[in-house]
Amino acid sequence: MRDTIKKHTDFLAPEDSPVAKSAFFVVRTIPTKTPGAPRYGLKVTKRVFKFAVHRNRAKRLLRDWIRFNDKLMLPEYDYVFISRAAILTATRDDGREAMRKALAYLKKQYGGKK
């Protein structure tokens, strides 16, 4: 399992950072501060999810999808996943496929860029 981003300053991404969008989430990549050890962070806000049970479900789904598609994450980047409201209606397979597509897109577009 990968490490998680904990500090607020580590969540901040430059404006030109690579982004992939899905109906369920947005993923931003940030060059890692610790080479060879990429991390991920989850943003699940009260503005989008009013109830704690919904925020917890969104985080649980994102973690499952990340674990399933772990091999597609590049070691040069940290990943910040920003959840969208539609995540609550997603099935497990739909989410895993959306995550695979987003990470493959980032790998294809920005894999050679360091």
N, C-alpha and C. Protein backbone atom coordinates (compact mmCIF):
# COMPACT_ATOMS: atom_id res chain seq x y z
N MET A 1 0.84 -1.20 0.00
CA MET A 1 0.00 0.00 0.00
C MET A 1 0.87 1.24 0.00
N ARG A 2 0.49 2.21 -0.74
CA ARG A 2 1.25 3.45 -0.85
C ARG A 2 1.00 4.34 0.35
N ASP A 3 1.96 5.23 0.60
CA ASP A 3 1.82 6.24 1.64
C ASP A 3 0.76 7.26 1.24
N THR A 4 0.21 7.94 2.22
CA THR A 4 -0.77 8.98 1.93
C THR A 4 -0.17 10.35 2.20
N ILE A 5 -0.71 11.34 1.52
CA ILE A 5 -0.30 12.72 1.74
C ILE A 5 -1.06 13.22 2.96
N LYS A 6 -0.35 13.82 3.90
CA LYS A 6 -0.99 14.24 5.14
C LYS A 6 -0.97 15.76 5.33
N LYS A 7 0.10 16.42 4.89
CA LYS A 7 0.24 17.86 5.13
C LYS A 7 -0.48 18.67 4.05
N HIS A 8 -1.11 19.74 4.49
CA HIS A 8 -1.87 20.60 3.57
C HIS A 8 -0.98 21.14 2.45
N THR A 9 0.22 21.51 2.76
CA THR A 9 1.11 22.08 1.74
C THR A 9 1.46 21.07 0.66
N ASP A 10 1.44 19.79 0.98
CA ASP A 10 1.73 18.76 -0.01
C ASP A 10 0.57 18.54 -0.98
N PHE A 11 -0.63 19.00 -0.61
CA PHE A 11 -1.78 18.88 -1.49
C PHE A 11 -1.79 19.96 -2.57
N LEU A 12 -1.08 21.05 -2.33
CA LEU A 12 -1.11 22.16 -3.25
C LEU A 12 -0.34 21.82 -4.52
N ALA A 13 -1.03 21.97 -5.65
CA ALA A 13 -0.43 21.63 -6.94
C ALA A 13 -0.28 22.89 -7.78
N PRO A 14 0.77 22.99 -8.55
CA PRO A 14 0.90 24.14 -9.44
C PRO A 14 -0.20 24.14 -10.49
N GLU A 15 -0.48 25.31 -11.05
CA GLU A 15 -1.55 25.44 -12.04
C GLU A 15 -1.34 24.56 -13.27
N ASP A 16 -0.08 24.34 -13.65
CA ASP A 16 0.19 23.57 -14.86
C ASP A 16 0.41 22.08 -14.58
N SER A 17 0.01 21.62 -13.41
CA SER A 17 0.20 20.20 -13.08
C SER A 17 -0.75 19.35 -13.93
N PRO A 18 -0.30 18.16 -14.33
CA PRO A 18 -1.13 17.27 -15.15
C PRO A 18 -2.41 16.86 -14.42
N VAL A 19 -3.51 16.84 -15.18
CA VAL A 19 -4.83 16.53 -14.62
C VAL A 19 -5.54 15.53 -15.52
N ALA A 20 -6.26 14.60 -14.90
CA ALA A 20 -7.17 13.70 -15.62
C ALA A 20 -8.52 13.78 -14.93
N LYS A 21 -9.58 13.83 -15.74
CA LYS A 21 -10.93 13.99 -15.19
C LYS A 21 -11.79 12.77 -15.51
N SER A 22 -12.64 12.46 -14.55
CA SER A 22 -13.60 11.38 -14.69
C SER A 22 -14.93 11.89 -14.15
N ALA A 23 -15.99 11.16 -14.40
CA ALA A 23 -17.29 11.55 -13.85
C ALA A 23 -17.30 11.43 -12.33
N PHE A 24 -16.43 10.58 -11.78
CA PHE A 24 -16.43 10.30 -10.36
C PHE A 24 -15.36 11.06 -9.57
N PHE A 25 -14.32 11.50 -10.24
CA PHE A 25 -13.21 12.16 -9.55
C PHE A 25 -12.36 12.94 -10.54
N VAL A 26 -11.49 13.77 -9.98
CA VAL A 26 -10.45 14.46 -10.73
C VAL A 26 -9.14 14.05 -10.07
N VAL A 27 -8.13 13.76 -10.87
CA VAL A 27 -6.83 13.40 -10.30
C VAL A 27 -5.78 14.38 -10.81
N ARG A 28 -5.02 14.95 -9.87
CA ARG A 28 -3.91 15.86 -10.18
C ARG A 28 -2.61 15.17 -9.80
N THR A 29 -1.60 15.39 -10.60
CA THR A 29 -0.29 14.83 -10.26
C THR A 29 0.65 15.96 -9.88
N ILE A 30 1.49 15.66 -8.90
CA ILE A 30 2.46 16.61 -8.39
C ILE A 30 3.80 15.88 -8.36
N PRO A 31 4.87 16.49 -8.84
CA PRO A 31 6.17 15.83 -8.73
C PRO A 31 6.46 15.48 -7.26
N THR A 32 6.89 14.26 -7.02
CA THR A 32 7.09 13.79 -5.66
C THR A 32 8.32 14.43 -5.01
N LYS A 33 8.26 14.59 -3.72
CA LYS A 33 9.39 15.13 -2.96
C LYS A 33 10.32 14.01 -2.51
N THR A 34 9.81 12.79 -2.50
CA THR A 34 10.61 11.64 -2.11
C THR A 34 10.67 10.67 -3.29
N PRO A 35 11.73 10.74 -4.10
CA PRO A 35 11.81 9.89 -5.30
C PRO A 35 11.68 8.41 -4.97
N GLY A 36 10.95 7.71 -5.83
CA GLY A 36 10.77 6.28 -5.65
C GLY A 36 9.67 5.91 -4.68
N ALA A 37 9.08 6.89 -4.04
CA ALA A 37 8.02 6.60 -3.07
C ALA A 37 6.83 7.52 -3.32
N PRO A 38 6.04 7.26 -4.36
CA PRO A 38 4.88 8.11 -4.63
C PRO A 38 3.82 7.97 -3.55
N ARG A 39 3.05 9.03 -3.35
CA ARG A 39 1.98 9.02 -2.36
C ARG A 39 0.68 9.43 -3.04
N TYR A 40 -0.42 9.27 -2.32
CA TYR A 40 -1.70 9.76 -2.82
C TYR A 40 -2.43 10.46 -1.69
N GLY A 41 -3.30 11.40 -2.08
CA GLY A 41 -4.13 12.11 -1.13
C GLY A 41 -5.55 12.16 -1.64
N LEU A 42 -6.50 12.21 -0.72
CA LEU A 42 -7.92 12.25 -1.08
C LEU A 42 -8.54 13.55 -0.59
N LYS A 43 -9.28 14.21 -1.47
CA LYS A 43 -10.04 15.40 -1.09
C LYS A 43 -11.52 15.05 -1.23
N VAL A 44 -12.19 15.02 -0.10
CA VAL A 44 -13.63 14.74 -0.06
C VAL A 44 -14.22 15.80 0.85
N THR A 45 -14.88 16.80 0.27
CA THR A 45 -15.27 17.99 1.02
C THR A 45 -16.71 17.95 1.51
N LYS A 46 -16.95 18.72 2.57
CA LYS A 46 -18.30 18.86 3.11
C LYS A 46 -19.19 19.63 2.16
N ARG A 47 -18.60 20.47 1.34
CA ARG A 47 -19.39 21.24 0.38
C ARG A 47 -20.09 20.31 -0.62
N VAL A 48 -19.41 19.25 -1.02
CA VAL A 48 -19.97 18.30 -1.98
C VAL A 48 -20.77 17.21 -1.27
N PHE A 49 -20.24 16.70 -0.17
CA PHE A 49 -20.88 15.60 0.57
C PHE A 49 -21.29 16.10 1.95
N LYS A 50 -22.54 16.37 2.14
CA LYS A 50 -23.03 16.96 3.39
C LYS A 50 -22.93 16.01 4.58
N PHE A 51 -23.11 14.72 4.34
CA PHE A 51 -23.15 13.76 5.43
C PHE A 51 -21.84 12.99 5.53
N ALA A 52 -21.40 12.74 6.75
CA ALA A 52 -20.15 12.03 6.98
C ALA A 52 -20.17 10.64 6.37
N VAL A 53 -21.31 9.98 6.38
CA VAL A 53 -21.41 8.64 5.82
C VAL A 53 -21.09 8.68 4.32
N HIS A 54 -21.49 9.74 3.63
CA HIS A 54 -21.20 9.88 2.20
C HIS A 54 -19.72 10.18 1.97
N ARG A 55 -19.14 11.03 2.81
CA ARG A 55 -17.71 11.32 2.69
C ARG A 55 -16.89 10.05 2.92
N ASN A 56 -17.26 9.28 3.92
CA ASN A 56 -16.53 8.04 4.22
C ASN A 56 -16.67 7.02 3.09
N ARG A 57 -17.85 6.93 2.50
CA ARG A 57 -18.05 6.00 1.38
C ARG A 57 -17.20 6.42 0.18
N ALA A 58 -17.18 7.71 -0.10
CA ALA A 58 -16.38 8.21 -1.23
C ALA A 58 -14.90 7.87 -1.03
N LYS A 59 -14.40 8.08 0.18
CA LYS A 59 -12.99 7.77 0.46
C LYS A 59 -12.72 6.26 0.36
N ARG A 60 -13.65 5.47 0.85
CA ARG A 60 -13.49 4.02 0.79
C ARG A 60 -13.45 3.53 -0.66
N LEU A 61 -14.33 4.08 -1.50
CA LEU A 61 -14.34 3.71 -2.91
C LEU A 61 -13.04 4.11 -3.60
N LEU A 62 -12.60 5.34 -3.36
CA LEU A 62 -11.35 5.80 -3.98
C LEU A 62 -10.17 4.92 -3.57
N ARG A 63 -10.09 4.57 -2.31
CA ARG A 63 -8.98 3.72 -1.84
C ARG A 63 -9.02 2.35 -2.52
N ASP A 64 -10.21 1.79 -2.69
CA ASP A 64 -10.34 0.50 -3.36
C ASP A 64 -9.88 0.61 -4.81
N TRP A 65 -10.32 1.64 -5.49
CA TRP A 65 -9.94 1.81 -6.90
C TRP A 65 -8.44 2.05 -7.04
N ILE A 66 -7.86 2.78 -6.11
CA ILE A 66 -6.41 3.05 -6.14
C ILE A 66 -5.64 1.74 -5.93
N ARG A 67 -6.06 0.94 -4.97
CA ARG A 67 -5.39 -0.35 -4.72
C ARG A 67 -5.46 -1.24 -5.96
N PHE A 68 -6.61 -1.25 -6.62
CA PHE A 68 -6.80 -2.11 -7.78
C PHE A 68 -5.90 -1.68 -8.94
N ASN A 69 -5.69 -0.39 -9.12
CA ASN A 69 -4.91 0.14 -10.24
C ASN A 69 -3.54 0.66 -9.81
N ASP A 70 -3.02 0.14 -8.75
CA ASP A 70 -1.77 0.60 -8.16
C ASP A 70 -0.60 0.57 -9.15
N LYS A 71 -0.55 -0.40 -10.01
CA LYS A 71 0.59 -0.58 -10.92
C LYS A 71 0.68 0.54 -11.97
N LEU A 72 -0.39 1.26 -12.21
CA LEU A 72 -0.38 2.33 -13.21
C LEU A 72 0.16 3.65 -12.68
N MET A 73 0.38 3.74 -11.39
CA MET A 73 0.85 4.99 -10.79
C MET A 73 2.36 5.11 -10.98
N LEU A 74 2.77 6.26 -11.49
CA LEU A 74 4.19 6.52 -11.76
C LEU A 74 4.93 6.89 -10.48
N PRO A 75 6.14 6.38 -10.28
CA PRO A 75 6.88 6.67 -9.05
C PRO A 75 7.39 8.11 -8.96
N GLU A 76 7.38 8.86 -10.07
CA GLU A 76 7.87 10.24 -10.06
C GLU A 76 6.83 11.24 -9.56
N TYR A 77 5.60 10.78 -9.36
CA TYR A 77 4.52 11.69 -9.02
C TYR A 77 3.81 11.29 -7.73
N ASP A 78 3.24 12.31 -7.06
CA ASP A 78 2.24 12.11 -6.03
C ASP A 78 0.90 12.40 -6.68
N TYR A 79 -0.15 11.77 -6.20
CA TYR A 79 -1.48 11.89 -6.80
C TYR A 79 -2.46 12.46 -5.79
N VAL A 80 -3.26 13.43 -6.23
CA VAL A 80 -4.32 13.99 -5.39
C VAL A 80 -5.64 13.71 -6.11
N PHE A 81 -6.50 12.96 -5.45
CA PHE A 81 -7.81 12.59 -6.00
C PHE A 81 -8.87 13.47 -5.36
N ILE A 82 -9.63 14.18 -6.19
CA ILE A 82 -10.69 15.06 -5.73
C ILE A 82 -12.01 14.42 -6.15
N SER A 83 -12.81 14.05 -5.17
CA SER A 83 -14.04 13.31 -5.47
C SER A 83 -15.15 14.24 -5.95
N ARG A 84 -16.02 13.68 -6.76
CA ARG A 84 -17.21 14.37 -7.26
C ARG A 84 -18.45 13.65 -6.72
N ALA A 85 -19.56 14.35 -6.74
CA ALA A 85 -20.79 13.81 -6.16
C ALA A 85 -21.24 12.51 -6.82
N ALA A 86 -20.96 12.34 -8.09
CA ALA A 86 -21.40 11.14 -8.82
C ALA A 86 -20.75 9.86 -8.31
N ILE A 87 -19.72 9.99 -7.50
CA ILE A 87 -19.03 8.80 -6.99
C ILE A 87 -19.97 7.92 -6.16
N LEU A 88 -20.97 8.53 -5.54
CA LEU A 88 -21.89 7.77 -4.69
C LEU A 88 -22.78 6.83 -5.49
N THR A 89 -22.94 7.09 -6.78
CA THR A 89 -23.78 6.23 -7.63
C THR A 89 -22.95 5.23 -8.43
N ALA A 90 -21.63 5.28 -8.28
CA ALA A 90 -20.74 4.43 -9.07
C ALA A 90 -20.73 3.00 -8.56
N THR A 91 -20.64 2.06 -9.48
CA THR A 91 -20.42 0.67 -9.09
C THR A 91 -18.92 0.45 -8.95
N ARG A 92 -18.58 -0.62 -8.31
CA ARG A 92 -17.16 -0.92 -8.09
C ARG A 92 -16.41 -1.06 -9.42
N ASP A 93 -17.00 -1.80 -10.37
CA ASP A 93 -16.35 -2.02 -11.65
C ASP A 93 -16.26 -0.75 -12.49
N ASP A 94 -17.31 0.07 -12.46
CA ASP A 94 -17.26 1.35 -13.19
C ASP A 94 -16.16 2.25 -12.65
N GLY A 95 -16.04 2.30 -11.35
CA GLY A 95 -15.01 3.12 -10.73
C GLY A 95 -13.61 2.63 -11.02
N ARG A 96 -13.43 1.33 -10.97
CA ARG A 96 -12.11 0.77 -11.27
C ARG A 96 -11.72 1.06 -12.71
N GLU A 97 -12.67 0.95 -13.61
CA GLU A 97 -12.40 1.24 -15.02
C GLU A 97 -12.10 2.72 -15.23
N ALA A 98 -12.85 3.59 -14.57
CA ALA A 98 -12.60 5.04 -14.67
C ALA A 98 -11.22 5.38 -14.12
N MET A 99 -10.83 4.75 -13.03
CA MET A 99 -9.52 4.98 -12.45
C MET A 99 -8.43 4.48 -13.38
N ARG A 100 -8.64 3.32 -13.98
CA ARG A 100 -7.66 2.78 -14.92
C ARG A 100 -7.45 3.72 -16.09
N LYS A 101 -8.55 4.23 -16.64
CA LYS A 101 -8.46 5.15 -17.78
C LYS A 101 -7.75 6.45 -17.40
N ALA A 102 -8.06 6.99 -16.24
CA ALA A 102 -7.44 8.25 -15.81
C ALA A 102 -5.94 8.07 -15.58
N LEU A 103 -5.56 6.99 -14.90
CA LEU A 103 -4.14 6.77 -14.64
C LEU A 103 -3.38 6.42 -15.92
N ALA A 104 -4.02 5.68 -16.81
CA ALA A 104 -3.38 5.36 -18.09
C ALA A 104 -3.19 6.62 -18.93
N TYR A 105 -4.17 7.51 -18.88
CA TYR A 105 -4.05 8.79 -19.59
C TYR A 105 -2.87 9.59 -19.05
N LEU A 106 -2.76 9.68 -17.75
CA LEU A 106 -1.64 10.43 -17.15
C LEU A 106 -0.31 9.76 -17.48
N LYS A 107 -0.29 8.45 -17.45
CA LYS A 107 0.94 7.73 -17.76
C LYS A 107 1.35 7.97 -19.21
N LYS A 108 0.37 7.96 -20.10
CA LYS A 108 0.64 8.15 -21.53
C LYS A 108 1.08 9.60 -21.81
N GLN A 109 0.36 10.56 -21.25
CA GLN A 109 0.63 11.95 -21.53
C GLN A 109 1.88 12.48 -20.84
N TYR A 110 2.09 12.05 -19.61
CA TYR A 110 3.14 12.67 -18.80
C TYR A 110 4.17 11.67 -18.29
N GLY A 111 4.15 10.46 -18.78
CA GLY A 111 5.08 9.44 -18.32
C GLY A 111 6.54 9.78 -18.62
N GLY A 112 6.81 10.37 -19.76
CA GLY A 112 8.18 10.69 -20.11
C GLY A 112 8.65 12.02 -19.59
N LYS A 113 7.73 12.83 -19.11
CA LYS A 113 8.04 14.18 -18.62
C LYS A 113 8.45 14.13 -17.16
N LYS A 114 9.58 14.73 -16.82
CA LYS A 114 10.02 14.71 -15.43
C LYS A 114 10.31 16.10 -14.95
